[in-house]
Amino acid sequence: MDLLQNLESELELFKAEYAKFGRGNKTAGTRGRKHLQNIKKMAQELRNSIQCSKKEEGST
């Protein structure tokens, strides 16, 4: 579940940066996009982990 906690943490960081961007801080947009990219990577890792678990359960 560590991956899920990291994903939630990254989402909170993105929310903070997006709020700053909404108030006119242009560099917060860049940081927000970085957090979104990290979220995308973590989500893909989580998908792969779930898929592997499903395959392992099916073969036993």
PDB file of N, CA and C in Angstrom:
ATOM      1  N   MET A   1       0.805  -1.201   0.000  1.00  0.00           N
ATOM      2  CA  MET A   1       0.000   0.000   0.000  1.00  0.00           C
ATOM      3  C   MET A   1       0.849   1.266   0.000  1.00  0.00           C
ATOM      4  N   ASP A   2       2.148   1.106   0.056  1.00  0.00           N
ATOM      5  CA  ASP A   2       3.037   2.258   0.037  1.00  0.00           C
ATOM      6  C   ASP A   2       2.845   3.058  -1.250  1.00  0.00           C
ATOM      7  N   LEU A   3       2.648   2.369  -2.359  1.00  0.00           N
ATOM      8  CA  LEU A   3       2.458   3.032  -3.636  1.00  0.00           C
ATOM      9  C   LEU A   3       1.192   3.887  -3.618  1.00  0.00           C
ATOM     10  N   LEU A   4       0.154   3.385  -2.998  1.00  0.00           N
ATOM     11  CA  LEU A   4      -1.098   4.127  -2.902  1.00  0.00           C
ATOM     12  C   LEU A   4      -0.913   5.389  -2.055  1.00  0.00           C
ATOM     13  N   GLN A   5      -0.171   5.282  -0.973  1.00  0.00           N
ATOM     14  CA  GLN A   5       0.091   6.455  -0.127  1.00  0.00           C
ATOM     15  C   GLN A   5       0.912   7.490  -0.889  1.00  0.00           C
ATOM     16  N   ASN A   6       1.887   7.038  -1.655  1.00  0.00           N
ATOM     17  CA  ASN A   6       2.692   7.959  -2.456  1.00  0.00           C
ATOM     18  C   ASN A   6       1.828   8.658  -3.504  1.00  0.00           C
ATOM     19  N   LEU A   7       0.913   7.911  -4.087  1.00  0.00           N
ATOM     20  CA  LEU A   7       0.010   8.475  -5.083  1.00  0.00           C
ATOM     21  C   LEU A   7      -0.866   9.559  -4.465  1.00  0.00           C
ATOM     22  N   GLU A   8      -1.411   9.281  -3.280  1.00  0.00           N
ATOM     23  CA  GLU A   8      -2.236  10.260  -2.585  1.00  0.00           C
ATOM     24  C   GLU A   8      -1.430  11.508  -2.215  1.00  0.00           C
ATOM     25  N   SER A   9      -0.200  11.308  -1.776  1.00  0.00           N
ATOM     26  CA  SER A   9       0.672  12.422  -1.418  1.00  0.00           C
ATOM     27  C   SER A   9       0.958  13.291  -2.635  1.00  0.00           C
ATOM     28  N   GLU A  10       1.248  12.652  -3.751  1.00  0.00           N
ATOM     29  CA  GLU A  10       1.540  13.387  -4.990  1.00  0.00           C
ATOM     30  C   GLU A  10       0.313  14.171  -5.443  1.00  0.00           C
ATOM     31  N   LEU A  11      -0.864  13.602  -5.266  1.00  0.00           N
ATOM     32  CA  LEU A  11      -2.098  14.289  -5.629  1.00  0.00           C
ATOM     33  C   LEU A  11      -2.294  15.541  -4.773  1.00  0.00           C
ATOM     34  N   GLU A  12      -1.985  15.438  -3.486  1.00  0.00           N
ATOM     35  CA  GLU A  12      -2.099  16.612  -2.610  1.00  0.00           C
ATOM     36  C   GLU A  12      -1.129  17.709  -3.040  1.00  0.00           C
ATOM     37  N   LEU A  13       0.082  17.316  -3.414  1.00  0.00           N
ATOM     38  CA  LEU A  13       1.062  18.294  -3.901  1.00  0.00           C
ATOM     39  C   LEU A  13       0.557  18.968  -5.173  1.00  0.00           C
ATOM     40  N   PHE A  14      -0.031  18.182  -6.064  1.00  0.00           N
ATOM     41  CA  PHE A  14      -0.581  18.749  -7.288  1.00  0.00           C
ATOM     42  C   PHE A  14      -1.695  19.740  -6.979  1.00  0.00           C
ATOM     43  N   LYS A  15      -2.587  19.381  -6.054  1.00  0.00           N
ATOM     44  CA  LYS A  15      -3.696  20.278  -5.701  1.00  0.00           C
ATOM     45  C   LYS A  15      -3.180  21.625  -5.209  1.00  0.00           C
ATOM     46  N   ALA A  16      -2.134  21.592  -4.387  1.00  0.00           N
ATOM     47  CA  ALA A  16      -1.561  22.830  -3.864  1.00  0.00           C
ATOM     48  C   ALA A  16      -0.990  23.683  -4.991  1.00  0.00           C
ATOM     49  N   GLU A  17      -0.267  23.063  -5.901  1.00  0.00           N
ATOM     50  CA  GLU A  17       0.321  23.803  -7.011  1.00  0.00           C
ATOM     51  C   GLU A  17      -0.758  24.334  -7.953  1.00  0.00           C
ATOM     52  N   TYR A  18      -1.800  23.553  -8.152  1.00  0.00           N
ATOM     53  CA  TYR A  18      -2.879  23.984  -9.045  1.00  0.00           C
ATOM     54  C   TYR A  18      -3.614  25.189  -8.455  1.00  0.00           C
ATOM     55  N   ALA A  19      -3.770  25.202  -7.140  1.00  0.00           N
ATOM     56  CA  ALA A  19      -4.404  26.350  -6.482  1.00  0.00           C
ATOM     57  C   ALA A  19      -3.553  27.604  -6.673  1.00  0.00           C
ATOM     58  N   LYS A  20      -2.246  27.457  -6.541  1.00  0.00           N
ATOM     59  CA  LYS A  20      -1.343  28.590  -6.762  1.00  0.00           C
ATOM     60  C   LYS A  20      -1.426  29.071  -8.204  1.00  0.00           C
ATOM     61  N   PHE A  21      -1.496  28.114  -9.133  1.00  0.00           N
ATOM     62  CA  PHE A  21      -1.602  28.452 -10.551  1.00  0.00           C
ATOM     63  C   PHE A  21      -2.890  29.234 -10.815  1.00  0.00           C
ATOM     64  N   GLY A  22      -3.959  28.838 -10.161  1.00  0.00           N
ATOM     65  CA  GLY A  22      -5.240  29.518 -10.313  1.00  0.00           C
ATOM     66  C   GLY A  22      -5.209  30.958  -9.826  1.00  0.00           C
ATOM     67  N   ARG A  23      -4.297  31.248  -8.912  1.00  0.00           N
ATOM     68  CA  ARG A  23      -4.152  32.607  -8.393  1.00  0.00           C
ATOM     69  C   ARG A  23      -3.155  33.417  -9.218  1.00  0.00           C
ATOM     70  N   GLY A  24      -2.664  32.857 -10.324  1.00  0.00           N
ATOM     71  CA  GLY A  24      -1.794  33.618 -11.220  1.00  0.00           C
ATOM     72  C   GLY A  24      -0.322  33.280 -11.162  1.00  0.00           C
ATOM     73  N   ASN A  25       0.085  32.310 -10.369  1.00  0.00           N
ATOM     74  CA  ASN A  25       1.488  31.921 -10.282  1.00  0.00           C
ATOM     75  C   ASN A  25       1.795  30.968 -11.437  1.00  0.00           C
ATOM     76  N   LYS A  26       2.445  31.508 -12.477  1.00  0.00           N
ATOM     77  CA  LYS A  26       2.691  30.719 -13.697  1.00  0.00           C
ATOM     78  C   LYS A  26       3.651  29.556 -13.464  1.00  0.00           C
ATOM     79  N   THR A  27       4.644  29.725 -12.610  1.00  0.00           N
ATOM     80  CA  THR A  27       5.603  28.633 -12.391  1.00  0.00           C
ATOM     81  C   THR A  27       4.963  27.473 -11.641  1.00  0.00           C
ATOM     82  N   ALA A  28       3.889  27.742 -10.922  1.00  0.00           N
ATOM     83  CA  ALA A  28       3.177  26.659 -10.242  1.00  0.00           C
ATOM     84  C   ALA A  28       2.570  25.710 -11.277  1.00  0.00           C
ATOM     85  N   GLY A  29       2.247  26.218 -12.452  1.00  0.00           N
ATOM     86  CA  GLY A  29       1.731  25.368 -13.521  1.00  0.00           C
ATOM     87  C   GLY A  29       2.760  24.337 -13.950  1.00  0.00           C
ATOM     88  N   THR A  30       4.000  24.755 -14.037  1.00  0.00           N
ATOM     89  CA  THR A  30       5.086  23.835 -14.401  1.00  0.00           C
ATOM     90  C   THR A  30       5.254  22.763 -13.333  1.00  0.00           C
ATOM     91  N   ARG A  31       5.246  23.181 -12.088  1.00  0.00           N
ATOM     92  CA  ARG A  31       5.374  22.214 -10.994  1.00  0.00           C
ATOM     93  C   ARG A  31       4.160  21.285 -10.954  1.00  0.00           C
ATOM     94  N   GLY A  32       2.992  21.832 -11.237  1.00  0.00           N
ATOM     95  CA  GLY A  32       1.776  21.020 -11.274  1.00  0.00           C
ATOM     96  C   GLY A  32       1.847  19.955 -12.347  1.00  0.00           C
ATOM     97  N   ARG A  33       2.350  20.329 -13.516  1.00  0.00           N
ATOM     98  CA  ARG A  33       2.492  19.346 -14.601  1.00  0.00           C
ATOM     99  C   ARG A  33       3.482  18.254 -14.216  1.00  0.00           C
ATOM    100  N   LYS A  34       4.524  18.621 -13.497  1.00  0.00           N
ATOM    101  CA  LYS A  34       5.502  17.621 -13.032  1.00  0.00           C
ATOM    102  C   LYS A  34       4.822  16.623 -12.099  1.00  0.00           C
ATOM    103  N   HIS A  35       3.998  17.128 -11.198  1.00  0.00           N
ATOM    104  CA  HIS A  35       3.281  16.243 -10.272  1.00  0.00           C
ATOM    105  C   HIS A  35       2.308  15.342 -11.037  1.00  0.00           C
ATOM    106  N   LEU A  36       1.653  15.884 -12.042  1.00  0.00           N
ATOM    107  CA  LEU A  36       0.746  15.064 -12.845  1.00  0.00           C
ATOM    108  C   LEU A  36       1.496  13.944 -13.556  1.00  0.00           C
ATOM    109  N   GLN A  37       2.690  14.242 -14.042  1.00  0.00           N
ATOM    110  CA  GLN A  37       3.500  13.209 -14.703  1.00  0.00           C
ATOM    111  C   GLN A  37       3.868  12.110 -13.707  1.00  0.00           C
ATOM    112  N   ASN A  38       4.221  12.513 -12.478  1.00  0.00           N
ATOM    113  CA  ASN A  38       4.539  11.524 -11.443  1.00  0.00           C
ATOM    114  C   ASN A  38       3.314  10.680 -11.102  1.00  0.00           C
ATOM    115  N   ILE A  39       2.146  11.320 -11.049  1.00  0.00           N
ATOM    116  CA  ILE A  39       0.902  10.599 -10.772  1.00  0.00           C
ATOM    117  C   ILE A  39       0.646   9.581 -11.874  1.00  0.00           C
ATOM    118  N   LYS A  40       0.878   9.983 -13.104  1.00  0.00           N
ATOM    119  CA  LYS A  40       0.678   9.074 -14.241  1.00  0.00           C
ATOM    120  C   LYS A  40       1.579   7.850 -14.117  1.00  0.00           C
ATOM    121  N   LYS A  41       2.843   8.068 -13.777  1.00  0.00           N
ATOM    122  CA  LYS A  41       3.788   6.957 -13.625  1.00  0.00           C
ATOM    123  C   LYS A  41       3.380   6.021 -12.497  1.00  0.00           C
ATOM    124  N   MET A  42       2.984   6.609 -11.362  1.00  0.00           N
ATOM    125  CA  MET A  42       2.579   5.789 -10.218  1.00  0.00           C
ATOM    126  C   MET A  42       1.308   5.008 -10.522  1.00  0.00           C
ATOM    127  N   ALA A  43       0.378   5.642 -11.222  1.00  0.00           N
ATOM    128  CA  ALA A  43      -0.867   4.964 -11.584  1.00  0.00           C
ATOM    129  C   ALA A  43      -0.566   3.770 -12.492  1.00  0.00           C
ATOM    130  N   GLN A  44       0.372   3.934 -13.419  1.00  0.00           N
ATOM    131  CA  GLN A  44       0.741   2.836 -14.310  1.00  0.00           C
ATOM    132  C   GLN A  44       1.380   1.696 -13.519  1.00  0.00           C
ATOM    133  N   GLU A  45       2.232   2.038 -12.557  1.00  0.00           N
ATOM    134  CA  GLU A  45       2.845   1.011 -11.704  1.00  0.00           C
ATOM    135  C   GLU A  45       1.777   0.260 -10.922  1.00  0.00           C
ATOM    136  N   LEU A  46       0.803   0.995 -10.407  1.00  0.00           N
ATOM    137  CA  LEU A  46      -0.276   0.376  -9.653  1.00  0.00           C
ATOM    138  C   LEU A  46      -1.110  -0.536 -10.542  1.00  0.00           C
ATOM    139  N   ARG A  47      -1.396  -0.097 -11.767  1.00  0.00           N
ATOM    140  CA  ARG A  47      -2.128  -0.929 -12.719  1.00  0.00           C
ATOM    141  C   ARG A  47      -1.375  -2.229 -12.983  1.00  0.00           C
ATOM    142  N   ASN A  48      -0.078  -2.110 -13.216  1.00  0.00           N
ATOM    143  CA  ASN A  48       0.736  -3.295 -13.489  1.00  0.00           C
ATOM    144  C   ASN A  48       0.758  -4.238 -12.296  1.00  0.00           C
ATOM    145  N   SER A  49       0.851  -3.682 -11.103  1.00  0.00           N
ATOM    146  CA  SER A  49       0.853  -4.485  -9.890  1.00  0.00           C
ATOM    147  C   SER A  49      -0.461  -5.249  -9.734  1.00  0.00           C
ATOM    148  N   ILE A  50      -1.562  -4.566  -9.983  1.00  0.00           N
ATOM    149  CA  ILE A  50      -2.877  -5.207  -9.898  1.00  0.00           C
ATOM    150  C   ILE A  50      -2.993  -6.314 -10.936  1.00  0.00           C
ATOM    151  N   GLN A  51      -2.539  -6.037 -12.150  1.00  0.00           N
ATOM    152  CA  GLN A  51      -2.620  -7.033 -13.221  1.00  0.00           C
ATOM    153  C   GLN A  51      -1.784  -8.266 -12.891  1.00  0.00           C
ATOM    154  N   CYS A  52      -0.592  -8.059 -12.334  1.00  0.00           N
ATOM    155  CA  CYS A  52       0.256  -9.190 -11.945  1.00  0.00           C
ATOM    156  C   CYS A  52      -0.416 -10.018 -10.857  1.00  0.00           C
ATOM    157  N   SER A  53      -1.030  -9.362  -9.900  1.00  0.00           N
ATOM    158  CA  SER A  53      -1.723 -10.078  -8.825  1.00  0.00           C
ATOM    159  C   SER A  53      -2.849 -10.906  -9.373  1.00  0.00           C
ATOM    160  N   LYS A  54      -3.584 -10.366 -10.330  1.00  0.00           N
ATOM    161  CA  LYS A  54      -4.695 -11.099 -10.940  1.00  0.00           C
ATOM    162  C   LYS A  54      -4.181 -12.332 -11.676  1.00  0.00           C
ATOM    163  N   LYS A  55      -3.073 -12.181 -12.395  1.00  0.00           N
ATOM    164  CA  LYS A  55      -2.510 -13.298 -13.138  1.00  0.00           C
ATOM    165  C   LYS A  55      -2.014 -14.394 -12.196  1.00  0.00           C
ATOM    166  N   GLU A  56      -1.376 -13.989 -11.088  1.00  0.00           N
ATOM    167  CA  GLU A  56      -0.856 -14.956 -10.119  1.00  0.00           C
ATOM    168  C   GLU A  56      -1.994 -15.714  -9.455  1.00  0.00           C
ATOM    169  N   GLU A  57      -3.068 -15.046  -9.132  1.00  0.00           N
ATOM    170  CA  GLU A  57      -4.214 -15.700  -8.500  1.00  0.00           C
ATOM    171  C   GLU A  57      -4.880 -16.685  -9.464  1.00  0.00           C
ATOM    172  N   GLY A  58      -4.887 -16.338 -10.732  1.00  0.00           N
ATOM    173  CA  GLY A  58      -5.505 -17.200 -11.725  1.00  0.00           C
ATOM    174  C   GLY A  58      -4.713 -18.455 -12.011  1.00  0.00           C
ATOM    175  N   SER A  59      -3.400 -18.413 -11.801  1.00  0.00           N
ATOM    176  CA  SER A  59      -2.570 -19.571 -12.130  1.00  0.00           C
ATOM    177  C   SER A  59      -2.441 -20.556 -10.971  1.00  0.00           C
ATOM    178  N   THR A  60      -2.911 -20.174  -9.794  1.00  0.00           N
ATOM    179  CA  THR A  60      -2.811 -21.097  -8.654  1.00  0.00           C
ATOM    180  C   THR A  60      -4.072 -21.911  -8.475  1.00  0.00           C
TER     181      THR A  60
END
